[in-house]
Amino acid sequence: MDKKEIIAKFARTEGDTGSPEVQVALLSSRINALTEHLKANKRDHSTRRGLLAMVARRKKLLAYLAREDYAKYIELTDTLKIRRAK
C-alpha cells in the first residue's frame, strides 16, 4: 500500500500521522518490504540491522498501545496480521 493510503486508513482524525496506529502500520509496511528484499539479498547485513531496529520500534509501540487501549491493539494486530505478544 502507498504511504498516504496507510495514513488515511489508520489515522484517528484528518491529518493524523503520529498516532501509534499509524506508526505501527507504516512500520509494518516497511518491514514487509525489507523482508522481501532480504529474501533475495541474504548478505545485506546493514539492511538486516535496520530491519531489526524497525521491528523493535514496532514492538515498543504495540506494547504502548496494548497498555493504553487494548481494544485498538487487538483490532490493529488483526488488521495487519501481526502476532500478539504474550
N, C-alpha and C. Protein backbone atom coordinates (compact mmCIF):
# COMPACT_ATOMS: atom_id res chain seq x y z
N MET A 1 0.83 -1.18 0.00
CA MET A 1 0.00 0.00 0.00
C MET A 1 0.88 1.26 0.00
N ASP A 2 0.34 2.30 -0.53
CA ASP A 2 1.02 3.59 -0.55
C ASP A 2 0.98 4.23 0.83
N LYS A 3 1.97 5.05 1.12
CA LYS A 3 2.07 5.66 2.45
C LYS A 3 0.83 6.50 2.77
N LYS A 4 0.35 7.26 1.80
CA LYS A 4 -0.83 8.10 2.03
C LYS A 4 -2.08 7.26 2.30
N GLU A 5 -2.20 6.14 1.62
CA GLU A 5 -3.34 5.24 1.84
C GLU A 5 -3.30 4.66 3.25
N ILE A 6 -2.13 4.28 3.69
CA ILE A 6 -1.97 3.72 5.04
C ILE A 6 -2.35 4.77 6.09
N ILE A 7 -1.85 5.98 5.91
CA ILE A 7 -2.16 7.05 6.85
C ILE A 7 -3.66 7.31 6.87
N ALA A 8 -4.28 7.37 5.70
CA ALA A 8 -5.72 7.63 5.64
C ALA A 8 -6.53 6.51 6.30
N LYS A 9 -6.07 5.28 6.15
CA LYS A 9 -6.81 4.14 6.69
C LYS A 9 -6.73 4.06 8.22
N PHE A 10 -5.58 4.36 8.79
CA PHE A 10 -5.37 4.14 10.22
C PHE A 10 -5.39 5.41 11.07
N ALA A 11 -5.51 6.58 10.44
CA ALA A 11 -5.50 7.84 11.19
C ALA A 11 -6.74 7.97 12.05
N ARG A 12 -6.56 8.57 13.23
CA ARG A 12 -7.69 8.81 14.13
C ARG A 12 -8.52 9.99 13.64
N THR A 13 -7.84 11.04 13.17
CA THR A 13 -8.51 12.21 12.63
C THR A 13 -7.83 12.61 11.33
N GLU A 14 -8.37 13.60 10.65
CA GLU A 14 -7.80 14.10 9.41
C GLU A 14 -6.41 14.66 9.68
N GLY A 15 -5.43 14.23 8.93
CA GLY A 15 -4.07 14.74 9.08
C GLY A 15 -3.27 14.10 10.20
N ASP A 16 -3.79 13.05 10.81
CA ASP A 16 -3.09 12.39 11.91
C ASP A 16 -2.02 11.47 11.36
N THR A 17 -0.76 11.76 11.72
CA THR A 17 0.33 10.89 11.27
C THR A 17 1.15 10.38 12.44
N GLY A 18 0.85 10.82 13.66
CA GLY A 18 1.68 10.47 14.79
C GLY A 18 1.08 9.48 15.75
N SER A 19 -0.17 9.09 15.55
CA SER A 19 -0.78 8.15 16.48
C SER A 19 -0.09 6.79 16.37
N PRO A 20 -0.10 6.01 17.44
CA PRO A 20 0.59 4.72 17.41
C PRO A 20 0.07 3.79 16.31
N GLU A 21 -1.23 3.87 16.03
CA GLU A 21 -1.80 3.01 14.99
C GLU A 21 -1.17 3.29 13.63
N VAL A 22 -1.03 4.57 13.29
CA VAL A 22 -0.44 4.96 12.01
C VAL A 22 1.04 4.56 11.98
N GLN A 23 1.75 4.82 13.07
CA GLN A 23 3.18 4.49 13.10
C GLN A 23 3.41 3.00 12.95
N VAL A 24 2.59 2.18 13.63
CA VAL A 24 2.73 0.73 13.52
C VAL A 24 2.42 0.26 12.11
N ALA A 25 1.38 0.83 11.50
CA ALA A 25 1.01 0.43 10.14
C ALA A 25 2.11 0.79 9.14
N LEU A 26 2.69 1.97 9.28
CA LEU A 26 3.77 2.37 8.38
C LEU A 26 5.01 1.50 8.58
N LEU A 27 5.34 1.23 9.84
CA LEU A 27 6.48 0.36 10.11
C LEU A 27 6.25 -1.05 9.55
N SER A 28 5.03 -1.54 9.69
CA SER A 28 4.72 -2.89 9.19
C SER A 28 4.88 -2.95 7.67
N SER A 29 4.48 -1.90 6.99
CA SER A 29 4.64 -1.84 5.54
C SER A 29 6.12 -1.89 5.16
N ARG A 30 6.93 -1.09 5.85
CA ARG A 30 8.37 -1.06 5.57
C ARG A 30 9.03 -2.39 5.95
N ILE A 31 8.60 -2.98 7.05
CA ILE A 31 9.15 -4.27 7.48
C ILE A 31 8.86 -5.34 6.44
N ASN A 32 7.65 -5.37 5.92
CA ASN A 32 7.30 -6.36 4.90
C ASN A 32 8.13 -6.18 3.64
N ALA A 33 8.35 -4.93 3.23
CA ALA A 33 9.15 -4.67 2.04
C ALA A 33 10.60 -5.09 2.25
N LEU A 34 11.16 -4.78 3.41
CA LEU A 34 12.54 -5.16 3.67
C LEU A 34 12.70 -6.67 3.82
N THR A 35 11.68 -7.32 4.34
CA THR A 35 11.74 -8.78 4.46
C THR A 35 11.85 -9.42 3.08
N GLU A 36 11.06 -8.90 2.13
CA GLU A 36 11.15 -9.41 0.76
C GLU A 36 12.52 -9.12 0.15
N HIS A 37 13.05 -7.94 0.41
CA HIS A 37 14.37 -7.57 -0.10
C HIS A 37 15.44 -8.53 0.45
N LEU A 38 15.35 -8.85 1.74
CA LEU A 38 16.36 -9.69 2.36
C LEU A 38 16.26 -11.15 1.92
N LYS A 39 15.08 -11.57 1.47
CA LYS A 39 14.97 -12.93 0.94
C LYS A 39 15.80 -13.07 -0.34
N ALA A 40 15.88 -12.00 -1.12
CA ALA A 40 16.66 -12.03 -2.36
C ALA A 40 18.12 -11.66 -2.13
N ASN A 41 18.40 -10.87 -1.08
CA ASN A 41 19.74 -10.39 -0.81
C ASN A 41 20.17 -10.80 0.59
N LYS A 42 20.55 -12.05 0.74
CA LYS A 42 20.82 -12.61 2.05
C LYS A 42 22.04 -11.99 2.74
N ARG A 43 22.96 -11.41 2.00
CA ARG A 43 24.18 -10.88 2.61
C ARG A 43 24.10 -9.39 2.92
N ASP A 44 22.95 -8.79 2.79
CA ASP A 44 22.78 -7.36 3.04
C ASP A 44 22.59 -7.14 4.54
N HIS A 45 23.69 -7.11 5.27
CA HIS A 45 23.63 -7.07 6.72
C HIS A 45 23.24 -5.69 7.25
N SER A 46 23.56 -4.63 6.55
CA SER A 46 23.18 -3.30 7.02
C SER A 46 21.67 -3.12 6.96
N THR A 47 21.04 -3.68 5.94
CA THR A 47 19.58 -3.63 5.86
C THR A 47 18.95 -4.50 6.94
N ARG A 48 19.56 -5.62 7.22
CA ARG A 48 19.06 -6.50 8.28
C ARG A 48 19.09 -5.79 9.64
N ARG A 49 20.15 -5.03 9.87
CA ARG A 49 20.26 -4.28 11.13
C ARG A 49 19.16 -3.23 11.22
N GLY A 50 18.90 -2.54 10.12
CA GLY A 50 17.82 -1.56 10.09
C GLY A 50 16.46 -2.20 10.29
N LEU A 51 16.28 -3.38 9.71
CA LEU A 51 15.03 -4.12 9.87
C LEU A 51 14.81 -4.49 11.33
N LEU A 52 15.84 -4.96 12.00
CA LEU A 52 15.71 -5.33 13.41
C LEU A 52 15.36 -4.11 14.27
N ALA A 53 15.92 -2.96 13.92
CA ALA A 53 15.59 -1.74 14.65
C ALA A 53 14.13 -1.37 14.46
N MET A 54 13.62 -1.53 13.23
CA MET A 54 12.20 -1.24 12.96
C MET A 54 11.29 -2.21 13.70
N VAL A 55 11.66 -3.47 13.75
CA VAL A 55 10.85 -4.46 14.46
C VAL A 55 10.80 -4.12 15.95
N ALA A 56 11.93 -3.70 16.51
CA ALA A 56 11.98 -3.33 17.93
C ALA A 56 11.11 -2.10 18.19
N ARG A 57 11.17 -1.12 17.29
CA ARG A 57 10.35 0.09 17.44
C ARG A 57 8.86 -0.25 17.38
N ARG A 58 8.49 -1.12 16.42
CA ARG A 58 7.09 -1.52 16.31
C ARG A 58 6.63 -2.27 17.55
N LYS A 59 7.50 -3.10 18.10
CA LYS A 59 7.16 -3.85 19.31
C LYS A 59 6.88 -2.91 20.48
N LYS A 60 7.72 -1.87 20.62
CA LYS A 60 7.51 -0.88 21.69
C LYS A 60 6.20 -0.13 21.50
N LEU A 61 5.90 0.26 20.27
CA LEU A 61 4.66 0.97 20.00
C LEU A 61 3.45 0.09 20.27
N LEU A 62 3.55 -1.18 19.91
CA LEU A 62 2.44 -2.11 20.17
C LEU A 62 2.25 -2.33 21.67
N ALA A 63 3.33 -2.39 22.42
CA ALA A 63 3.23 -2.54 23.88
C ALA A 63 2.55 -1.32 24.49
N TYR A 64 2.89 -0.15 24.01
CA TYR A 64 2.26 1.08 24.48
C TYR A 64 0.77 1.07 24.16
N LEU A 65 0.44 0.70 22.94
CA LEU A 65 -0.97 0.68 22.54
C LEU A 65 -1.75 -0.35 23.34
N ALA A 66 -1.15 -1.48 23.64
CA ALA A 66 -1.82 -2.50 24.44
C ALA A 66 -2.10 -2.00 25.85
N ARG A 67 -1.18 -1.23 26.40
CA ARG A 67 -1.39 -0.65 27.74
C ARG A 67 -2.48 0.41 27.74
N GLU A 68 -2.49 1.26 26.71
CA GLU A 68 -3.38 2.41 26.69
C GLU A 68 -4.79 2.08 26.20
N ASP A 69 -4.87 1.30 25.12
CA ASP A 69 -6.18 0.99 24.53
C ASP A 69 -6.13 -0.43 23.95
N TYR A 70 -6.48 -1.40 24.79
CA TYR A 70 -6.33 -2.80 24.40
C TYR A 70 -7.22 -3.17 23.22
N ALA A 71 -8.41 -2.59 23.15
CA ALA A 71 -9.32 -2.89 22.03
C ALA A 71 -8.71 -2.46 20.70
N LYS A 72 -8.09 -1.28 20.67
CA LYS A 72 -7.41 -0.81 19.45
C LYS A 72 -6.24 -1.72 19.11
N TYR A 73 -5.53 -2.18 20.12
CA TYR A 73 -4.40 -3.09 19.92
C TYR A 73 -4.86 -4.38 19.24
N ILE A 74 -5.94 -4.95 19.74
CA ILE A 74 -6.47 -6.19 19.15
C ILE A 74 -6.91 -5.95 17.71
N GLU A 75 -7.61 -4.85 17.49
CA GLU A 75 -8.09 -4.51 16.15
C GLU A 75 -6.93 -4.31 15.18
N LEU A 76 -5.91 -3.59 15.63
CA LEU A 76 -4.76 -3.30 14.77
C LEU A 76 -3.97 -4.56 14.43
N THR A 77 -3.73 -5.42 15.42
CA THR A 77 -2.98 -6.64 15.16
C THR A 77 -3.75 -7.58 14.23
N ASP A 78 -5.07 -7.59 14.36
CA ASP A 78 -5.87 -8.41 13.46
C ASP A 78 -5.83 -7.86 12.03
N THR A 79 -5.94 -6.55 11.90
CA THR A 79 -5.94 -5.92 10.58
C THR A 79 -4.62 -6.11 9.86
N LEU A 80 -3.52 -5.93 10.60
CA LEU A 80 -2.19 -6.03 9.99
C LEU A 80 -1.62 -7.44 10.00
N LYS A 81 -2.35 -8.36 10.62
CA LYS A 81 -1.91 -9.76 10.72
C LYS A 81 -0.55 -9.86 11.41
N ILE A 82 -0.47 -9.20 12.58
CA ILE A 82 0.73 -9.24 13.41
C ILE A 82 0.46 -10.16 14.59
N ARG A 83 1.43 -11.01 14.92
CA ARG A 83 1.28 -11.86 16.10
C ARG A 83 1.31 -11.00 17.34
N ARG A 84 0.49 -11.36 18.32
CA ARG A 84 0.44 -10.61 19.55
C ARG A 84 1.48 -11.14 20.55
N ALA A 85 1.97 -10.24 21.39
CA ALA A 85 2.90 -10.64 22.45
C ALA A 85 2.12 -11.36 23.53
N LYS A 86 2.79 -12.23 24.23
CA LYS A 86 2.10 -13.00 25.28
C LYS A 86 2.18 -12.31 26.60
